[in-house]
Amino acid sequence: MSELIRVKPTQDGTYTVYRGSLALVSGLTRLQAERYEASIAYRQRVASPLVGA
């Protein structure tokens, strides 16, 4: 199972994308952070196809 990917706001009004406790990228707008999060989730789904499908 992969680590949780999440977007969190910062005090300066930007957003940071985390995988588990590791910050992947920071200083993004909310839209940029959500797109980055979605691209990571998509790549994880493509990289690990369903077992027995």
Protein backbone atom coordinates (compact mmCIF):
# COMPACT_ATOMS: atom_id res chain seq x y z
CA MET A 1 0.00 0.00 0.00
CA SER A 2 1.33 3.42 -0.89
CA GLU A 3 1.64 6.34 1.49
CA LEU A 4 -1.12 8.91 1.73
CA ILE A 5 -0.76 11.91 -0.58
CA ARG A 6 -2.27 15.12 0.71
CA VAL A 7 -2.32 18.87 0.16
CA LYS A 8 -2.02 21.22 3.11
CA PRO A 9 -2.20 25.02 3.24
CA THR A 10 0.70 26.99 4.71
CA GLN A 11 0.69 30.21 6.73
CA ASP A 12 1.85 32.27 3.74
CA GLY A 13 -1.20 31.32 1.66
CA THR A 14 0.51 28.73 -0.53
CA TYR A 15 0.07 24.95 -0.50
CA THR A 16 2.41 22.00 0.06
CA VAL A 17 1.98 18.46 -1.29
CA TYR A 18 3.03 15.66 1.06
CA ARG A 19 3.55 11.92 0.59
CA GLY A 20 3.38 10.50 4.08
CA SER A 21 5.50 12.85 6.18
CA LEU A 22 7.72 13.90 3.25
CA ALA A 23 7.05 17.29 1.62
CA LEU A 24 7.28 16.79 -2.14
CA VAL A 25 6.73 20.35 -3.32
CA SER A 26 5.73 23.63 -1.68
CA GLY A 27 4.88 27.19 -2.62
CA LEU A 28 2.08 26.22 -4.99
CA THR A 29 -1.33 27.72 -5.58
CA ARG A 30 -4.22 25.50 -4.55
CA LEU A 31 -4.95 24.58 -8.18
CA GLN A 32 -1.31 23.68 -8.85
CA ALA A 33 -1.14 21.57 -5.68
CA GLU A 34 -4.36 19.71 -6.51
CA ARG A 35 -3.16 19.00 -10.05
CA TYR A 36 0.19 17.75 -8.75
CA GLU A 37 -1.59 15.52 -6.23
CA ALA A 38 -3.84 14.13 -8.98
CA SER A 39 -0.88 13.41 -11.27
CA ILE A 40 0.87 11.45 -8.52
CA ALA A 41 -2.27 9.45 -7.76
CA TYR A 42 -2.71 8.70 -11.47
CA ARG A 43 0.88 7.51 -11.84
CA GLN A 44 0.47 5.25 -8.81
CA ARG A 45 -2.66 3.66 -10.30
CA VAL A 46 -0.92 3.09 -13.64
CA ALA A 47 2.22 1.68 -12.01
CA SER A 48 0.32 -0.82 -9.85
CA PRO A 49 -2.44 -2.51 -11.89
CA LEU A 50 -5.16 -4.46 -10.13
CA VAL A 51 -4.17 -7.96 -9.07
CA GLY A 52 -6.18 -10.67 -10.78
CA ALA A 53 -7.81 -8.35 -13.30
